[in-house]
C-alpha cells in the first residue's frame, strides 16, 4: 500500500513538487535579501534633515524600512503564489482576467483603497510623522505604533488601539517632531506681587533646566512669558519652555510640583474658585 502510494507520488514530486519547494525557498530568500538591501539603502540614501536629532532620524529610517519591506514582501509572495498556481496546473491568464473584471466590479469600493494608498505615499514623502511619534488625527490622538501604505495604527493613553486609514485623515498634528513645548497657564492671587511671582517662576525654571536629572530633556528653560488674563479668581500667567520631543509632559509635571513648593515657601497663593452665600 505504502509502496503504491510512493510510486504514485514520486513522479509528481520530481516533476512538480521539487519546483514548488524551489519557488518557496527562492521567494523566502528574495524576501529576506530584499529586506536587508532596503535596510542598507534607506540608511545610506535617505538624506538627513539638519534640524532632526539622531533619535528622530532613526525613527524616520525605521518607518521607511518597515513600509518598503512590507510592500516588497507582498509583491514577492504574490508573484510566488502565481508561479505556484501555474505549476499546479492552473491557467494564470484566466485568473488575471477574472481579477481584472472583479476589479472593475469593485471599482467604487476600490477608489477608497487607492485614496488610502496615495495618502500613505504622501505621508512618507513629506515625512509628516514616523513610528514612535505622538500625533492627533482630528479628535483621535496616540502613539504611532505602525504605518503601512494604507493605514496608521495609534495607541492612546488608555491603551486603546486605533486603526486610521490614510484617506480618512484630513488634519495631522504631530506633537513630537523636532521639539516640544511646555505651555503652562497658572493662576496666582490678585494680592500677589507680580515681580516676585516672575522671579520665582524664572528661578524654578532655570533650576529645573540645570538639574542633572532633567537638563538633557530641556532645550530652553521654562520662563514667564506674559500675563494671560484677569480671571474671576486669579491673575493667569503663561509659562513657556522647549523640551526634547515627547518629554514635554514629564517636564511640565515636574515643573508644576516645584512651582507649588516654591510658591508655598514664598507665600504666593494659588487661588481656587469660592462661593460665598449670604443668608437673609
Protein backbone atom coordinates (compact mmCIF):
# COMPACT_ATOMS: atom_id res chain seq x y z
CA UNK A 1 0.00 0.00 0.00
CA UNK A 2 2.70 2.47 1.06
CA UNK A 3 4.87 1.44 -1.85
CA UNK A 4 2.00 2.03 -4.27
CA UNK A 5 1.39 5.47 -2.75
CA UNK A 6 5.07 6.34 -3.10
CA UNK A 7 5.01 5.09 -6.66
CA UNK A 8 2.13 7.45 -7.44
CA UNK A 9 3.57 10.44 -5.61
CA UNK A 10 7.20 10.18 -6.72
CA UNK A 11 6.68 11.20 -10.39
CA UNK A 12 4.53 14.19 -9.33
CA UNK A 13 7.06 15.22 -6.69
CA UNK A 14 10.04 15.13 -9.05
CA UNK A 15 8.15 16.92 -11.81
CA UNK A 16 6.17 19.50 -9.77
CA UNK A 17 6.81 19.15 -6.04
CA UNK A 18 10.50 19.98 -6.28
CA UNK A 19 9.67 23.08 -8.32
CA UNK A 20 7.10 24.19 -5.75
CA UNK A 21 9.64 23.81 -2.94
CA UNK A 22 12.20 25.70 -5.01
CA UNK A 23 9.70 28.55 -5.62
CA UNK A 24 9.00 28.83 -1.89
CA UNK A 25 12.69 28.75 -0.92
CA UNK A 26 13.67 31.29 -3.59
CA UNK A 27 10.79 33.60 -2.61
CA UNK A 28 11.84 33.40 1.03
CA UNK A 29 15.48 34.16 0.19
CA UNK A 30 14.49 37.08 -2.05
CA UNK A 31 12.22 38.44 0.67
CA UNK A 32 14.98 38.25 3.26
CA UNK A 33 17.63 39.65 0.92
CA UNK A 34 15.34 42.48 -0.18
CA UNK A 35 14.72 43.38 3.47
CA UNK A 36 18.46 43.63 4.15
CA UNK A 37 19.03 45.57 0.91
CA UNK A 38 16.23 48.04 1.71
CA UNK A 39 17.63 48.48 5.22
CA UNK A 40 21.06 49.43 3.89
CA UNK A 41 19.68 51.51 1.03
CA UNK A 42 17.40 53.62 3.20
CA UNK A 43 20.08 54.29 5.81
CA UNK A 44 22.53 55.40 3.11
CA UNK A 45 20.34 57.16 0.55
CA UNK A 46 17.70 58.96 2.63
CA UNK A 47 19.11 62.46 3.28
CA UNK A 48 19.34 63.60 6.87
CA UNK A 49 17.49 66.75 7.87
CA UNK A 50 19.75 69.15 9.72
CA UNK A 51 17.09 70.05 12.29
CA UNK A 52 16.45 66.42 13.36
CA UNK A 53 18.35 64.82 16.21
CA UNK A 54 19.78 61.29 15.72
CA UNK A 55 16.85 59.66 17.52
CA UNK A 56 14.29 61.36 15.27
CA UNK A 57 16.25 60.49 12.14
CA UNK A 58 16.44 56.85 13.26
CA UNK A 59 12.65 56.76 13.72
CA UNK A 60 12.21 58.12 10.21
CA UNK A 61 14.53 55.50 8.72
CA UNK A 62 12.83 52.65 10.59
CA UNK A 63 9.43 53.85 9.36
CA UNK A 64 10.59 53.89 5.73
CA UNK A 65 12.27 50.49 6.09
CA UNK A 66 9.13 48.90 7.52
CA UNK A 67 6.88 50.32 4.79
CA UNK A 68 9.16 49.46 1.84
CA UNK A 69 9.95 46.00 3.26
CA UNK A 70 6.25 45.26 3.73
CA UNK A 71 5.37 46.35 0.19
CA UNK A 72 8.26 44.35 -1.28
CA UNK A 73 7.27 41.26 0.72
CA UNK A 74 3.70 41.42 -0.59
CA UNK A 75 4.95 41.73 -4.18
CA UNK A 76 7.40 38.81 -3.85
CA UNK A 77 4.86 36.43 -2.32
CA UNK A 78 2.11 37.37 -4.80
CA UNK A 79 4.47 36.52 -7.67
CA UNK A 80 5.48 33.28 -5.90
CA UNK A 81 1.80 32.35 -5.45
CA UNK A 82 1.07 32.91 -9.14
CA UNK A 83 4.07 30.76 -10.12
CA UNK A 84 2.96 28.02 -7.71
CA UNK A 85 -0.58 28.04 -9.10
CA UNK A 86 0.80 27.77 -12.63
CA UNK A 87 2.97 24.85 -11.57
CA UNK A 88 -0.11 23.13 -10.10
CA UNK A 89 -1.83 23.35 -13.46
CA UNK A 90 -3.96 26.45 -13.07
CA UNK A 91 -4.15 28.83 -16.02
CA UNK A 92 -2.88 32.19 -14.80
CA UNK A 93 -4.28 34.18 -17.74
CA UNK A 94 -7.97 33.50 -16.99
CA UNK A 95 -7.32 34.14 -13.29
CA UNK A 96 -5.77 37.51 -14.05
CA UNK A 97 -8.64 38.31 -16.40
CA UNK A 98 -11.18 37.38 -13.74
CA UNK A 99 -9.29 39.53 -11.26
CA UNK A 100 -9.48 42.44 -13.70
CA UNK A 101 -13.22 42.02 -14.13
CA UNK A 102 -13.67 41.79 -10.35
CA UNK A 103 -11.57 44.94 -10.01
CA UNK A 104 -13.90 46.80 -12.35
CA UNK A 105 -16.94 45.49 -10.49
CA UNK A 106 -15.46 46.66 -7.21
CA UNK A 107 -14.25 49.96 -8.66
CA UNK A 108 -16.38 52.12 -6.41
CA UNK A 109 -15.04 50.34 -3.34
CA UNK A 110 -11.52 50.26 -4.74
CA UNK A 111 -11.39 54.04 -5.05
CA UNK A 112 -11.22 54.27 -1.25
CA UNK A 113 -8.30 51.84 -1.20
CA UNK A 114 -6.49 53.87 -3.86
CA UNK A 115 -7.15 57.04 -1.89
CA UNK A 116 -5.65 55.43 1.24
CA UNK A 117 -2.56 54.27 -0.68
CA UNK A 118 -1.98 57.69 -2.27
CA UNK A 119 -2.37 59.32 1.16
CA UNK A 120 0.20 56.91 2.57
CA UNK A 121 2.68 57.74 -0.19
CA UNK A 122 2.42 61.47 0.55
CA UNK A 123 2.83 60.83 4.29
CA UNK A 124 6.10 59.01 3.53
CA UNK A 125 7.40 61.57 1.03
CA UNK A 126 6.56 64.58 3.21
CA UNK A 127 7.79 62.90 6.41
CA UNK A 128 4.67 64.05 8.27
CA UNK A 129 5.19 61.59 11.14
CA UNK A 130 7.06 58.42 11.97
CA UNK A 131 6.76 55.33 14.15
CA UNK A 132 7.22 56.44 17.75
CA UNK A 133 5.73 59.93 17.25
CA UNK A 134 2.65 61.17 19.12
CA UNK A 135 0.08 62.55 16.69
CA UNK A 136 -3.55 63.67 16.54
CA UNK A 137 -5.86 62.94 13.63
CA UNK A 138 -8.75 65.33 14.23
CA UNK A 139 -10.04 64.02 17.60
CA UNK A 140 -8.00 60.78 17.63
CA UNK A 141 -4.61 61.03 19.35
CA UNK A 142 -1.98 58.48 20.31
CA UNK A 143 1.46 56.97 19.83
CA UNK A 144 2.20 55.78 16.28
CA UNK A 145 2.85 52.03 16.59
CA UNK A 146 2.79 51.08 12.92
CA UNK A 147 2.49 52.65 9.46
CA UNK A 148 1.60 50.86 6.23
CA UNK A 149 0.76 52.35 2.85
CA UNK A 150 -2.95 52.01 3.71
CA UNK A 151 -3.33 52.93 7.37
CA UNK A 152 -1.67 54.10 10.57
CA UNK A 153 -2.04 52.34 13.93
CA UNK A 154 -2.26 54.54 17.03
CA UNK A 155 -2.39 53.60 20.71
CA UNK A 156 -3.87 56.23 23.00
CA UNK A 157 -3.14 56.91 26.67
CA UNK A 158 -5.83 54.42 27.78
CA UNK A 159 -4.19 51.68 25.73
CA UNK A 160 -6.91 51.68 23.06
CA UNK A 161 -5.62 50.87 19.56
CA UNK A 162 -6.97 52.95 16.66
CA UNK A 163 -6.54 51.92 13.01
CA UNK A 164 -6.87 55.04 10.86
CA UNK A 165 -6.99 54.73 7.03
CA UNK A 166 -4.86 57.44 5.41
CA UNK A 167 -7.72 58.53 3.18
CA UNK A 168 -9.74 59.50 6.25
CA UNK A 169 -7.03 61.79 7.63
CA UNK A 170 -7.76 65.48 6.99
CA UNK A 171 -5.50 67.13 9.58
CA UNK A 172 -2.33 65.73 11.16
CA UNK A 173 -0.98 67.33 14.35
CA UNK A 174 2.46 65.99 15.28
CA UNK A 175 3.16 66.59 18.98
CA UNK A 176 6.70 65.21 18.91
CA UNK A 177 8.59 66.42 15.84
CA UNK A 178 11.90 68.27 16.27
CA UNK A 179 10.98 69.76 19.66
CA UNK A 180 8.05 70.19 22.03
CA UNK A 181 6.89 72.94 24.36
CA UNK A 182 5.85 73.20 27.99
CA UNK A 183 2.84 75.50 27.71
CA UNK A 184 1.53 76.12 31.21
CA UNK A 185 -1.18 78.53 32.36
CA UNK A 186 -1.02 79.22 36.08
CA UNK A 187 -3.25 81.33 38.32
CA UNK A 188 -1.98 83.47 41.23
CA UNK A 189 -3.96 85.56 43.69
CA UNK A 190 -4.72 89.22 42.90
CA UNK A 191 -2.89 90.16 46.10
CA UNK A 192 0.36 88.61 44.79
CA UNK A 193 3.39 90.72 43.93
CA UNK A 194 3.80 90.05 40.21
CA UNK A 195 7.51 90.88 40.21
CA UNK A 196 8.04 88.30 42.95
CA UNK A 197 5.93 85.77 41.03
CA UNK A 198 8.01 86.31 37.88
CA UNK A 199 11.26 85.96 39.83
CA UNK A 200 10.15 82.69 41.47
CA UNK A 201 8.84 81.22 38.20
CA UNK A 202 12.04 82.01 36.30
CA UNK A 203 14.24 80.74 39.12
CA UNK A 204 12.35 77.45 39.34
CA UNK A 205 12.54 77.03 35.54
CA UNK A 206 16.30 77.69 35.49
CA UNK A 207 16.91 75.33 38.43
CA UNK A 208 14.94 72.61 36.66
CA UNK A 209 16.94 73.09 33.44
CA UNK A 210 20.22 72.83 35.39
CA UNK A 211 19.20 69.73 37.33
CA UNK A 212 21.32 66.77 36.06
CA UNK A 213 18.24 64.56 36.04
CA UNK A 214 16.33 66.93 33.72
CA UNK A 215 18.77 69.10 31.76
CA UNK A 216 19.17 66.59 28.92
CA UNK A 217 15.42 66.81 28.30
CA UNK A 218 15.13 70.61 28.29
CA UNK A 219 16.15 72.78 25.33
CA UNK A 220 15.19 76.18 26.79
CA UNK A 221 14.20 76.62 30.46
CA UNK A 222 10.52 77.26 31.24
CA UNK A 223 10.13 81.01 31.85
CA UNK A 224 7.43 83.59 32.50
CA UNK A 225 6.06 84.83 29.15
CA UNK A 226 3.23 87.25 29.93
CA UNK A 227 0.09 87.89 31.93
CA UNK A 228 -2.51 85.92 30.02
CA UNK A 229 -5.76 87.02 31.60
CA UNK A 230 -7.53 88.57 34.57
CA UNK A 231 -9.82 85.71 35.54
CA UNK A 232 -12.62 85.70 38.13
CA UNK A 233 -10.45 84.36 40.93
CA UNK A 234 -6.86 84.74 39.73
CA UNK A 235 -4.34 86.50 37.55
CA UNK A 236 -3.46 84.00 34.85
CA UNK A 237 0.19 83.88 33.74
CA UNK A 238 1.70 81.89 30.89
CA UNK A 239 4.93 79.90 31.28
CA UNK A 240 6.71 78.62 28.19
CA UNK A 241 9.76 76.41 27.57
CA UNK A 242 11.09 73.97 24.99
CA UNK A 243 11.91 70.29 25.52
CA UNK A 244 13.00 67.25 23.57
CA UNK A 245 10.15 65.55 21.67
CA UNK A 246 7.74 63.56 23.87
CA UNK A 247 9.29 64.95 27.07
CA UNK A 248 7.02 67.97 27.49
CA UNK A 249 4.57 66.13 29.74
CA UNK A 250 7.26 64.83 32.08
CA UNK A 251 8.91 68.25 32.34
CA UNK A 252 5.57 70.03 32.85
CA UNK A 253 4.64 67.66 35.68
CA UNK A 254 7.95 68.23 37.46
CA UNK A 255 7.64 71.99 36.90
CA UNK A 256 4.16 72.06 38.50
CA UNK A 257 5.47 70.21 41.54
CA UNK A 258 8.42 72.56 42.01
CA UNK A 259 6.31 75.66 41.48
CA UNK A 260 3.84 74.56 44.17
CA UNK A 261 6.68 74.02 46.65
CA UNK A 262 8.35 77.33 45.73
CA UNK A 263 5.06 79.27 45.92
CA UNK A 264 4.33 77.84 49.36
CA UNK A 265 7.78 78.88 50.57
CA UNK A 266 7.39 82.39 49.10
CA UNK A 267 3.84 82.85 50.41
CA UNK A 268 2.35 83.10 46.91
CA UNK A 269 -1.24 81.88 46.82
CA UNK A 270 -2.68 79.74 44.04
CA UNK A 271 -6.38 80.60 44.40
CA UNK A 272 -9.37 78.46 43.65
CA UNK A 273 -12.98 79.45 42.95
CA UNK A 274 -15.03 80.11 46.08
CA UNK A 275 -18.71 80.85 46.53
CA UNK A 276 -19.97 82.91 49.47
CA UNK A 277 -23.65 82.50 50.36
CA UNK A 278 -25.35 85.27 52.36
CA UNK A 279 -28.49 84.29 54.22
CA UNK A 280 -31.17 86.94 54.66
